[in-house]
Amino acid sequence: MKVRRGTTVRFTVTSDAADEFHLHGYDRTLDLRPGRPAVLELTADKPGVFEAELHRSKARVLELQVG
């Protein structure tokens, strides 16, 4: 996902198992409960490439590119 610096970004994450969504670089997390959407909204004010993953399963969810 590519966005311009200063853009408001909103992630809605739903998992089939309890886990933690973590956006590296911004150090933001969401506690995930099975079948319940969780929302993370932030201003993408740091330039760079940032990975989001699920901590327990170690699954890579997305890559946020801010420029």
C-alpha atoms as a PDB file:
ATOM      1  CA  MET A   1       0.000   0.000   0.000  1.00  0.00           C
ATOM      2  CA  LYS A   2       1.469   3.363  -1.053  1.00  0.00           C
ATOM      3  CA  VAL A   3       0.354   6.657   0.478  1.00  0.00           C
ATOM      4  CA  ARG A   4       1.560  10.231   0.536  1.00  0.00           C
ATOM      5  CA  ARG A   5       3.090  11.574   3.724  1.00  0.00           C
ATOM      6  CA  GLY A   6       0.391  13.196   5.865  1.00  0.00           C
ATOM      7  CA  THR A   7      -2.390  10.903   4.651  1.00  0.00           C
ATOM      8  CA  THR A   8      -4.804   9.456   7.203  1.00  0.00           C
ATOM      9  CA  VAL A   9      -4.671   5.673   6.932  1.00  0.00           C
ATOM     10  CA  ARG A  10      -7.300   3.344   8.375  1.00  0.00           C
ATOM     11  CA  PHE A  11      -6.789  -0.398   8.733  1.00  0.00           C
ATOM     12  CA  THR A  12      -9.678  -2.713   9.596  1.00  0.00           C
ATOM     13  CA  VAL A  13      -8.355  -6.129  10.575  1.00  0.00           C
ATOM     14  CA  THR A  14     -10.360  -9.286  11.240  1.00  0.00           C
ATOM     15  CA  SER A  15      -8.775 -12.557  12.306  1.00  0.00           C
ATOM     16  CA  ASP A  16     -10.125 -16.063  12.787  1.00  0.00           C
ATOM     17  CA  ALA A  17      -7.882 -16.506  15.856  1.00  0.00           C
ATOM     18  CA  ALA A  18      -6.734 -14.358  18.757  1.00  0.00           C
ATOM     19  CA  ASP A  19      -3.578 -12.477  17.761  1.00  0.00           C
ATOM     20  CA  GLU A  20      -1.895  -9.084  17.758  1.00  0.00           C
ATOM     21  CA  PHE A  21      -1.566  -6.878  14.657  1.00  0.00           C
ATOM     22  CA  HIS A  22       1.616  -4.761  14.766  1.00  0.00           C
ATOM     23  CA  LEU A  23       2.614  -1.953  12.403  1.00  0.00           C
ATOM     24  CA  HIS A  24       6.385  -1.618  12.704  1.00  0.00           C
ATOM     25  CA  GLY A  25       7.996   1.816  12.600  1.00  0.00           C
ATOM     26  CA  TYR A  26       4.850   3.434  13.935  1.00  0.00           C
ATOM     27  CA  ASP A  27       4.842   0.940  16.819  1.00  0.00           C
ATOM     28  CA  ARG A  28       1.048   0.638  16.783  1.00  0.00           C
ATOM     29  CA  THR A  29      -0.778  -2.535  17.751  1.00  0.00           C
ATOM     30  CA  LEU A  30      -4.272  -3.983  17.749  1.00  0.00           C
ATOM     31  CA  ASP A  31      -5.490  -6.844  19.929  1.00  0.00           C
ATOM     32  CA  LEU A  32      -7.437  -9.174  17.676  1.00  0.00           C
ATOM     33  CA  ARG A  33     -10.304 -11.376  18.807  1.00  0.00           C
ATOM     34  CA  PRO A  34     -11.726 -14.091  16.555  1.00  0.00           C
ATOM     35  CA  GLY A  35     -14.318 -12.741  14.140  1.00  0.00           C
ATOM     36  CA  ARG A  36     -14.341  -9.199  15.608  1.00  0.00           C
ATOM     37  CA  PRO A  37     -13.040  -6.358  13.417  1.00  0.00           C
ATOM     38  CA  ALA A  38     -10.427  -4.082  14.997  1.00  0.00           C
ATOM     39  CA  VAL A  39      -9.612  -0.639  13.591  1.00  0.00           C
ATOM     40  CA  LEU A  40      -6.316   1.250  13.576  1.00  0.00           C
ATOM     41  CA  GLU A  41      -6.271   4.803  12.243  1.00  0.00           C
ATOM     42  CA  LEU A  42      -3.172   6.974  12.024  1.00  0.00           C
ATOM     43  CA  THR A  43      -1.578   9.823  10.137  1.00  0.00           C
ATOM     44  CA  ALA A  44       1.202   8.474   7.916  1.00  0.00           C
ATOM     45  CA  ASP A  45       3.721  11.156   8.867  1.00  0.00           C
ATOM     46  CA  LYS A  46       6.932   9.094   8.814  1.00  0.00           C
ATOM     47  CA  PRO A  47       8.446   8.448   5.373  1.00  0.00           C
ATOM     48  CA  GLY A  48       9.675   4.956   4.609  1.00  0.00           C
ATOM     49  CA  VAL A  49       8.532   1.367   4.224  1.00  0.00           C
ATOM     50  CA  PHE A  50       6.827  -0.283   7.188  1.00  0.00           C
ATOM     51  CA  GLU A  51       5.761  -3.908   7.596  1.00  0.00           C
ATOM     52  CA  ALA A  52       2.654  -5.028   9.458  1.00  0.00           C
ATOM     53  CA  GLU A  53       2.465  -8.530  10.859  1.00  0.00           C
ATOM     54  CA  LEU A  54       0.531 -10.759  13.199  1.00  0.00           C
ATOM     55  CA  HIS A  55       2.708 -11.491  16.219  1.00  0.00           C
ATOM     56  CA  ARG A  56       1.535 -14.946  17.232  1.00  0.00           C
ATOM     57  CA  SER A  57       1.295 -16.458  13.779  1.00  0.00           C
ATOM     58  CA  LYS A  58       4.203 -14.379  12.389  1.00  0.00           C
ATOM     59  CA  ALA A  59       2.127 -13.780   9.242  1.00  0.00           C
ATOM     60  CA  ARG A  60       3.068 -10.727   7.222  1.00  0.00           C
ATOM     61  CA  VAL A  61      -0.111  -8.740   6.567  1.00  0.00           C
ATOM     62  CA  LEU A  62       0.981  -5.761   4.492  1.00  0.00           C
ATOM     63  CA  GLU A  63       3.669  -3.264   3.642  1.00  0.00           C
ATOM     64  CA  LEU A  64       2.955   0.452   4.069  1.00  0.00           C
ATOM     65  CA  GLN A  65       5.026   2.751   1.840  1.00  0.00           C
ATOM     66  CA  VAL A  66       4.920   6.412   2.885  1.00  0.00           C
ATOM     67  CA  GLY A  67       6.466   9.038   0.612  1.00  0.00           C
END
